[in-house]
Amino acid sequence: MKFYIIKKEQCVAAIPAQESLLNEYEKKGFKFVEIIAARDENDALNRHPKSSKNDKNWRVLCTALMLLTIILSIYTLILK
């Protein structure tokens, strides 16, 4: 059976893949994320990835840049 994964802020839900049902949820502010084939709603939510690798890569990159900036700032203050 196919399910629509929908999301509203931090709330993620799985609903049966019916256009009319999706339209009702979109009127309530939910946004379509993807279609997943699963046995039931819980299985569909388990198959949906919690976060993407791109999000993790951006966090690592931003953290590294922030640490580099702090280290360079401290280094320039010490040399003055």
PDB file of N, CA and C in Angstrom:
ATOM      1  N   MET A   1       0.843  -1.172   0.000  1.00  0.00           N
ATOM      2  CA  MET A   1       0.000   0.000   0.000  1.00  0.00           C
ATOM      3  C   MET A   1       0.891   1.240   0.000  1.00  0.00           C
ATOM      4  N   LYS A   2       0.458   2.288  -0.662  1.00  0.00           N
ATOM      5  CA  LYS A   2       1.246   3.517  -0.724  1.00  0.00           C
ATOM      6  C   LYS A   2       0.710   4.539   0.272  1.00  0.00           C
ATOM      7  N   PHE A   3       1.653   5.314   0.823  1.00  0.00           N
ATOM      8  CA  PHE A   3       1.319   6.351   1.797  1.00  0.00           C
ATOM      9  C   PHE A   3       2.004   7.646   1.405  1.00  0.00           C
ATOM     10  N   TYR A   4       1.325   8.758   1.685  1.00  0.00           N
ATOM     11  CA  TYR A   4       1.935  10.073   1.550  1.00  0.00           C
ATOM     12  C   TYR A   4       2.559  10.427   2.891  1.00  0.00           C
ATOM     13  N   ILE A   5       3.796  10.871   2.850  1.00  0.00           N
ATOM     14  CA  ILE A   5       4.429  11.422   4.044  1.00  0.00           C
ATOM     15  C   ILE A   5       4.211  12.930   3.972  1.00  0.00           C
ATOM     16  N   ILE A   6       3.608  13.474   5.016  1.00  0.00           N
ATOM     17  CA  ILE A   6       3.323  14.908   5.067  1.00  0.00           C
ATOM     18  C   ILE A   6       3.963  15.494   6.317  1.00  0.00           C
ATOM     19  N   LYS A   7       4.211  16.795   6.276  1.00  0.00           N
ATOM     20  CA  LYS A   7       4.909  17.434   7.390  1.00  0.00           C
ATOM     21  C   LYS A   7       4.343  18.821   7.636  1.00  0.00           C
ATOM     22  N   LYS A   8       4.225  19.159   8.925  1.00  0.00           N
ATOM     23  CA  LYS A   8       3.834  20.505   9.348  1.00  0.00           C
ATOM     24  C   LYS A   8       4.727  20.847  10.522  1.00  0.00           C
ATOM     25  N   GLU A   9       5.628  21.802  10.318  1.00  0.00           N
ATOM     26  CA  GLU A   9       6.643  22.171  11.297  1.00  0.00           C
ATOM     27  C   GLU A   9       7.419  20.921  11.689  1.00  0.00           C
ATOM     28  N   GLN A  10       7.344  20.474  12.933  1.00  0.00           N
ATOM     29  CA  GLN A  10       8.077  19.281  13.369  1.00  0.00           C
ATOM     30  C   GLN A  10       7.223  18.023  13.347  1.00  0.00           C
ATOM     31  N   CYS A  11       5.963  18.144  13.005  1.00  0.00           N
ATOM     32  CA  CYS A  11       5.042  17.011  12.980  1.00  0.00           C
ATOM     33  C   CYS A  11       5.119  16.304  11.633  1.00  0.00           C
ATOM     34  N   VAL A  12       5.425  15.007  11.656  1.00  0.00           N
ATOM     35  CA  VAL A  12       5.475  14.194  10.444  1.00  0.00           C
ATOM     36  C   VAL A  12       4.404  13.123  10.563  1.00  0.00           C
ATOM     37  N   ALA A  13       3.632  12.923   9.490  1.00  0.00           N
ATOM     38  CA  ALA A  13       2.550  11.938   9.511  1.00  0.00           C
ATOM     39  C   ALA A  13       2.535  11.164   8.205  1.00  0.00           C
ATOM     40  N   ALA A  14       1.943   9.970   8.267  1.00  0.00           N
ATOM     41  CA  ALA A  14       1.744   9.146   7.075  1.00  0.00           C
ATOM     42  C   ALA A  14       0.245   8.962   6.886  1.00  0.00           C
ATOM     43  N   ILE A  15      -0.225   9.240   5.680  1.00  0.00           N
ATOM     44  CA  ILE A  15      -1.650   9.074   5.373  1.00  0.00           C
ATOM     45  C   ILE A  15      -1.775   8.209   4.117  1.00  0.00           C
ATOM     46  N   PRO A  16      -2.876   7.490   3.968  1.00  0.00           N
ATOM     47  CA  PRO A  16      -3.072   6.703   2.744  1.00  0.00           C
ATOM     48  C   PRO A  16      -3.001   7.594   1.503  1.00  0.00           C
ATOM     49  N   ALA A  17      -2.456   7.053   0.433  1.00  0.00           N
ATOM     50  CA  ALA A  17      -2.225   7.826  -0.795  1.00  0.00           C
ATOM     51  C   ALA A  17      -3.525   8.062  -1.554  1.00  0.00           C
ATOM     52  N   GLN A  18      -4.293   9.041  -1.089  1.00  0.00           N
ATOM     53  CA  GLN A  18      -5.522   9.464  -1.749  1.00  0.00           C
ATOM     54  C   GLN A  18      -5.456  10.976  -1.924  1.00  0.00           C
ATOM     55  N   GLU A  19      -5.678  11.427  -3.140  1.00  0.00           N
ATOM     56  CA  GLU A  19      -5.575  12.855  -3.438  1.00  0.00           C
ATOM     57  C   GLU A  19      -6.512  13.695  -2.575  1.00  0.00           C
ATOM     58  N   SER A  20      -7.732  13.222  -2.372  1.00  0.00           N
ATOM     59  CA  SER A  20      -8.698  14.001  -1.589  1.00  0.00           C
ATOM     60  C   SER A  20      -8.227  14.167  -0.151  1.00  0.00           C
ATOM     61  N   LEU A  21      -7.674  13.106   0.413  1.00  0.00           N
ATOM     62  CA  LEU A  21      -7.163  13.169   1.785  1.00  0.00           C
ATOM     63  C   LEU A  21      -5.959  14.102   1.870  1.00  0.00           C
ATOM     64  N   LEU A  22      -5.090  14.037   0.871  1.00  0.00           N
ATOM     65  CA  LEU A  22      -3.928  14.927   0.830  1.00  0.00           C
ATOM     66  C   LEU A  22      -4.369  16.384   0.739  1.00  0.00           C
ATOM     67  N   ASN A  23      -5.372  16.655  -0.078  1.00  0.00           N
ATOM     68  CA  ASN A  23      -5.871  18.033  -0.216  1.00  0.00           C
ATOM     69  C   ASN A  23      -6.427  18.567   1.100  1.00  0.00           C
ATOM     70  N   GLU A  24      -7.115  17.714   1.862  1.00  0.00           N
ATOM     71  CA  GLU A  24      -7.637  18.134   3.169  1.00  0.00           C
ATOM     72  C   GLU A  24      -6.503  18.515   4.109  1.00  0.00           C
ATOM     73  N   TYR A  25      -5.446  17.703   4.137  1.00  0.00           N
ATOM     74  CA  TYR A  25      -4.316  17.997   5.012  1.00  0.00           C
ATOM     75  C   TYR A  25      -3.559  19.240   4.544  1.00  0.00           C
ATOM     76  N   GLU A  26      -3.455  19.443   3.235  1.00  0.00           N
ATOM     77  CA  GLU A  26      -2.784  20.646   2.735  1.00  0.00           C
ATOM     78  C   GLU A  26      -3.551  21.904   3.125  1.00  0.00           C
ATOM     79  N   LYS A  27      -4.878  21.825   3.199  1.00  0.00           N
ATOM     80  CA  LYS A  27      -5.680  22.962   3.655  1.00  0.00           C
ATOM     81  C   LYS A  27      -5.412  23.268   5.126  1.00  0.00           C
ATOM     82  N   LYS A  28      -5.020  22.238   5.889  1.00  0.00           N
ATOM     83  CA  LYS A  28      -4.715  22.420   7.312  1.00  0.00           C
ATOM     84  C   LYS A  28      -3.284  22.900   7.535  1.00  0.00           C
ATOM     85  N   GLY A  29      -2.505  23.042   6.451  1.00  0.00           N
ATOM     86  CA  GLY A  29      -1.155  23.567   6.578  1.00  0.00           C
ATOM     87  C   GLY A  29      -0.053  22.536   6.428  1.00  0.00           C
ATOM     88  N   PHE A  30      -0.399  21.288   6.170  1.00  0.00           N
ATOM     89  CA  PHE A  30       0.617  20.259   5.975  1.00  0.00           C
ATOM     90  C   PHE A  30       1.201  20.376   4.572  1.00  0.00           C
ATOM     91  N   LYS A  31       2.443  19.929   4.413  1.00  0.00           N
ATOM     92  CA  LYS A  31       3.090  19.940   3.107  1.00  0.00           C
ATOM     93  C   LYS A  31       3.487  18.521   2.732  1.00  0.00           C
ATOM     94  N   PHE A  32       3.321  18.194   1.460  1.00  0.00           N
ATOM     95  CA  PHE A  32       3.684  16.882   0.943  1.00  0.00           C
ATOM     96  C   PHE A  32       5.200  16.730   0.947  1.00  0.00           C
ATOM     97  N   VAL A  33       5.694  15.558   1.413  1.00  0.00           N
ATOM     98  CA  VAL A  33       7.127  15.293   1.435  1.00  0.00           C
ATOM     99  C   VAL A  33       7.489  14.235   0.396  1.00  0.00           C
ATOM    100  N   GLU A  34       6.863  13.040   0.485  1.00  0.00           N
ATOM    101  CA  GLU A  34       7.159  11.973  -0.465  1.00  0.00           C
ATOM    102  C   GLU A  34       6.117  10.867  -0.386  1.00  0.00           C
ATOM    103  N   ILE A  35       6.185   9.945  -1.350  1.00  0.00           N
ATOM    104  CA  ILE A  35       5.323   8.761  -1.363  1.00  0.00           C
ATOM    105  C   ILE A  35       6.179   7.563  -0.977  1.00  0.00           C
ATOM    106  N   ILE A  36       5.661   6.734  -0.063  1.00  0.00           N
ATOM    107  CA  ILE A  36       6.386   5.548   0.393  1.00  0.00           C
ATOM    108  C   ILE A  36       5.458   4.347   0.329  1.00  0.00           C
ATOM    109  N   ALA A  37       5.989   3.225  -0.158  1.00  0.00           N
ATOM    110  CA  ALA A  37       5.239   1.967  -0.149  1.00  0.00           C
ATOM    111  C   ALA A  37       5.537   1.259   1.166  1.00  0.00           C
ATOM    112  N   ALA A  38       4.485   0.923   1.915  1.00  0.00           N
ATOM    113  CA  ALA A  38       4.654   0.285   3.219  1.00  0.00           C
ATOM    114  C   ALA A  38       3.400  -0.508   3.567  1.00  0.00           C
ATOM    115  N   ARG A  39       3.496  -1.284   4.663  1.00  0.00           N
ATOM    116  CA  ARG A  39       2.360  -2.097   5.099  1.00  0.00           C
ATOM    117  C   ARG A  39       1.298  -1.274   5.804  1.00  0.00           C
ATOM    118  N   ASP A  40       1.738  -0.337   6.665  1.00  0.00           N
ATOM    119  CA  ASP A  40       0.806   0.508   7.410  1.00  0.00           C
ATOM    120  C   ASP A  40       1.468   1.851   7.706  1.00  0.00           C
ATOM    121  N   GLU A  41       0.758   2.709   8.439  1.00  0.00           N
ATOM    122  CA  GLU A  41       1.276   4.054   8.717  1.00  0.00           C
ATOM    123  C   GLU A  41       2.584   4.018   9.501  1.00  0.00           C
ATOM    124  N   ASN A  42       2.660   3.147  10.504  1.00  0.00           N
ATOM    125  CA  ASN A  42       3.881   3.063  11.311  1.00  0.00           C
ATOM    126  C   ASN A  42       5.068   2.610  10.473  1.00  0.00           C
ATOM    127  N   ASP A  43       4.848   1.632   9.598  1.00  0.00           N
ATOM    128  CA  ASP A  43       5.918   1.156   8.726  1.00  0.00           C
ATOM    129  C   ASP A  43       6.364   2.264   7.776  1.00  0.00           C
ATOM    130  N   ALA A  44       5.420   3.040   7.280  1.00  0.00           N
ATOM    131  CA  ALA A  44       5.760   4.153   6.382  1.00  0.00           C
ATOM    132  C   ALA A  44       6.610   5.196   7.103  1.00  0.00           C
ATOM    133  N   LEU A  45       6.261   5.500   8.341  1.00  0.00           N
ATOM    134  CA  LEU A  45       7.050   6.472   9.107  1.00  0.00           C
ATOM    135  C   LEU A  45       8.438   5.934   9.423  1.00  0.00           C
ATOM    136  N   ASN A  46       8.536   4.627   9.669  1.00  0.00           N
ATOM    137  CA  ASN A  46       9.846   4.031   9.938  1.00  0.00           C
ATOM    138  C   ASN A  46      10.736   4.041   8.701  1.00  0.00           C
ATOM    139  N   ARG A  47      10.147   3.929   7.527  1.00  0.00           N
ATOM    140  CA  ARG A  47      10.922   3.930   6.284  1.00  0.00           C
ATOM    141  C   ARG A  47      11.345   5.340   5.865  1.00  0.00           C
ATOM    142  N   HIS A  48      10.669   6.350   6.376  1.00  0.00           N
ATOM    143  CA  HIS A  48      11.004   7.736   6.040  1.00  0.00           C
ATOM    144  C   HIS A  48      12.245   8.151   6.820  1.00  0.00           C
ATOM    145  N   PRO A  49      13.283   8.652   6.130  1.00  0.00           N
ATOM    146  CA  PRO A  49      14.494   9.070   6.849  1.00  0.00           C
ATOM    147  C   PRO A  49      14.210  10.273   7.746  1.00  0.00           C
ATOM    148  N   LYS A  50      14.783  10.256   8.937  1.00  0.00           N
ATOM    149  CA  LYS A  50      14.554  11.342   9.901  1.00  0.00           C
ATOM    150  C   LYS A  50      15.226  12.639   9.461  1.00  0.00           C
ATOM    151  N   SER A  51      16.435  12.537   8.956  1.00  0.00           N
ATOM    152  CA  SER A  51      17.122  13.723   8.443  1.00  0.00           C
ATOM    153  C   SER A  51      18.028  13.289   7.303  1.00  0.00           C
ATOM    154  N   SER A  52      18.333  14.198   6.438  1.00  0.00           N
ATOM    155  CA  SER A  52      19.160  13.859   5.288  1.00  0.00           C
ATOM    156  C   SER A  52      20.631  14.066   5.609  1.00  0.00           C
ATOM    157  N   LYS A  53      21.487  13.458   4.805  1.00  0.00           N
ATOM    158  CA  LYS A  53      22.925  13.600   5.001  1.00  0.00           C
ATOM    159  C   LYS A  53      23.367  15.024   4.715  1.00  0.00           C
ATOM    160  N   ASN A  54      22.660  15.715   3.819  1.00  0.00           N
ATOM    161  CA  ASN A  54      23.022  17.096   3.505  1.00  0.00           C
ATOM    162  C   ASN A  54      22.898  17.987   4.731  1.00  0.00           C
ATOM    163  N   ASP A  55      21.875  17.768   5.555  1.00  0.00           N
ATOM    164  CA  ASP A  55      21.718  18.550   6.779  1.00  0.00           C
ATOM    165  C   ASP A  55      22.910  18.334   7.703  1.00  0.00           C
ATOM    166  N   LYS A  56      23.328  17.087   7.837  1.00  0.00           N
ATOM    167  CA  LYS A  56      24.466  16.782   8.706  1.00  0.00           C
ATOM    168  C   LYS A  56      25.748  17.390   8.155  1.00  0.00           C
ATOM    169  N   ASN A  57      25.930  17.333   6.838  1.00  0.00           N
ATOM    170  CA  ASN A  57      27.131  17.910   6.237  1.00  0.00           C
ATOM    171  C   ASN A  57      27.187  19.412   6.460  1.00  0.00           C
ATOM    172  N   TRP A  58      26.055  20.091   6.335  1.00  0.00           N
ATOM    173  CA  TRP A  58      26.025  21.528   6.569  1.00  0.00           C
ATOM    174  C   TRP A  58      26.348  21.860   8.018  1.00  0.00           C
ATOM    175  N   ARG A  59      25.848  21.077   8.942  1.00  0.00           N
ATOM    176  CA  ARG A  59      26.139  21.325  10.359  1.00  0.00           C
ATOM    177  C   ARG A  59      27.623  21.173  10.640  1.00  0.00           C
ATOM    178  N   VAL A  60      28.230  20.130  10.087  1.00  0.00           N
ATOM    179  CA  VAL A  60      29.662  19.900  10.296  1.00  0.00           C
ATOM    180  C   VAL A  60      30.465  21.036   9.685  1.00  0.00           C
ATOM    181  N   LEU A  61      30.116  21.443   8.478  1.00  0.00           N
ATOM    182  CA  LEU A  61      30.836  22.521   7.808  1.00  0.00           C
ATOM    183  C   LEU A  61      30.712  23.837   8.574  1.00  0.00           C
ATOM    184  N   CYS A  62      29.516  24.171   9.011  1.00  0.00           N
ATOM    185  CA  CYS A  62      29.312  25.417   9.765  1.00  0.00           C
ATOM    186  C   CYS A  62      30.051  25.394  11.096  1.00  0.00           C
ATOM    187  N   THR A  63      30.030  24.259  11.768  1.00  0.00           N
ATOM    188  CA  THR A  63      30.744  24.137  13.038  1.00  0.00           C
ATOM    189  C   THR A  63      32.242  24.294  12.831  1.00  0.00           C
ATOM    190  N   ALA A  64      32.783  23.669  11.795  1.00  0.00           N
ATOM    191  CA  ALA A  64      34.214  23.774  11.511  1.00  0.00           C
ATOM    192  C   ALA A  64      34.600  25.215  11.192  1.00  0.00           C
ATOM    193  N   LEU A  65      33.796  25.902  10.392  1.00  0.00           N
ATOM    194  CA  LEU A  65      34.091  27.300  10.068  1.00  0.00           C
ATOM    195  C   LEU A  65      34.012  28.197  11.299  1.00  0.00           C
ATOM    196  N   MET A  66      33.049  27.933  12.161  1.00  0.00           N
ATOM    197  CA  MET A  66      32.915  28.727  13.377  1.00  0.00           C
ATOM    198  C   MET A  66      34.130  28.522  14.289  1.00  0.00           C
ATOM    199  N   LEU A  67      34.552  27.274  14.457  1.00  0.00           N
ATOM    200  CA  LEU A  67      35.723  27.001  15.291  1.00  0.00           C
ATOM    201  C   LEU A  67      36.977  27.635  14.705  1.00  0.00           C
ATOM    202  N   LEU A  68      37.144  27.563  13.397  1.00  0.00           N
ATOM    203  CA  LEU A  68      38.297  28.177  12.747  1.00  0.00           C
ATOM    204  C   LEU A  68      38.300  29.685  12.965  1.00  0.00           C
ATOM    205  N   THR A  69      37.142  30.309  12.863  1.00  0.00           N
ATOM    206  CA  THR A  69      37.030  31.751  13.082  1.00  0.00           C
ATOM    207  C   THR A  69      37.384  32.122  14.519  1.00  0.00           C
ATOM    208  N   ILE A  70      36.903  31.349  15.470  1.00  0.00           N
ATOM    209  CA  ILE A  70      37.206  31.617  16.884  1.00  0.00           C
ATOM    210  C   ILE A  70      38.697  31.460  17.148  1.00  0.00           C
ATOM    211  N   ILE A  71      39.290  30.406  16.617  1.00  0.00           N
ATOM    212  CA  ILE A  71      40.725  30.173  16.831  1.00  0.00           C
ATOM    213  C   ILE A  71      41.548  31.293  16.206  1.00  0.00           C
ATOM    214  N   LEU A  72      41.203  31.713  15.000  1.00  0.00           N
ATOM    215  CA  LEU A  72      41.933  32.807  14.359  1.00  0.00           C
ATOM    216  C   LEU A  72      41.749  34.119  15.115  1.00  0.00           C
ATOM    217  N   SER A  73      40.572  34.365  15.650  1.00  0.00           N
ATOM    218  CA  SER A  73      40.331  35.585  16.430  1.00  0.00           C
ATOM    219  C   SER A  73      41.187  35.599  17.687  1.00  0.00           C
ATOM    220  N   ILE A  74      41.227  34.493  18.390  1.00  0.00           N
ATOM    221  CA  ILE A  74      42.048  34.401  19.603  1.00  0.00           C
ATOM    222  C   ILE A  74      43.523  34.561  19.252  1.00  0.00           C
ATOM    223  N   TYR A  75      43.955  33.937  18.174  1.00  0.00           N
ATOM    224  CA  TYR A  75      45.350  34.010  17.740  1.00  0.00           C
ATOM    225  C   TYR A  75      45.745  35.444  17.409  1.00  0.00           C
ATOM    226  N   THR A  76      44.881  36.192  16.721  1.00  0.00           N
ATOM    227  CA  THR A  76      45.208  37.578  16.376  1.00  0.00           C
ATOM    228  C   THR A  76      45.200  38.478  17.609  1.00  0.00           C
ATOM    229  N   LEU A  77      44.353  38.187  18.593  1.00  0.00           N
ATOM    230  CA  LEU A  77      44.342  38.975  19.827  1.00  0.00           C
ATOM    231  C   LEU A  77      45.614  38.745  20.635  1.00  0.00           C
ATOM    232  N   ILE A  78      46.129  37.538  20.627  1.00  0.00           N
ATOM    233  CA  ILE A  78      47.347  37.222  21.379  1.00  0.00           C
ATOM    234  C   ILE A  78      48.555  37.890  20.736  1.00  0.00           C
ATOM    235  N   LEU A  79      48.604  37.961  19.419  1.00  0.00           N
ATOM    236  CA  LEU A  79      49.750  38.549  18.727  1.00  0.00           C
ATOM    237  C   LEU A  79      49.808  40.062  18.840  1.00  0.00           C
ATOM    238  N   LYS A  80      48.705  40.723  19.180  1.00  0.00           N
ATOM    239  CA  LYS A  80      48.709  42.187  19.293  1.00  0.00           C
ATOM    240  C   LYS A  80      49.457  42.622  20.462  1.00  0.00           C
TER     241      LYS A  80
END
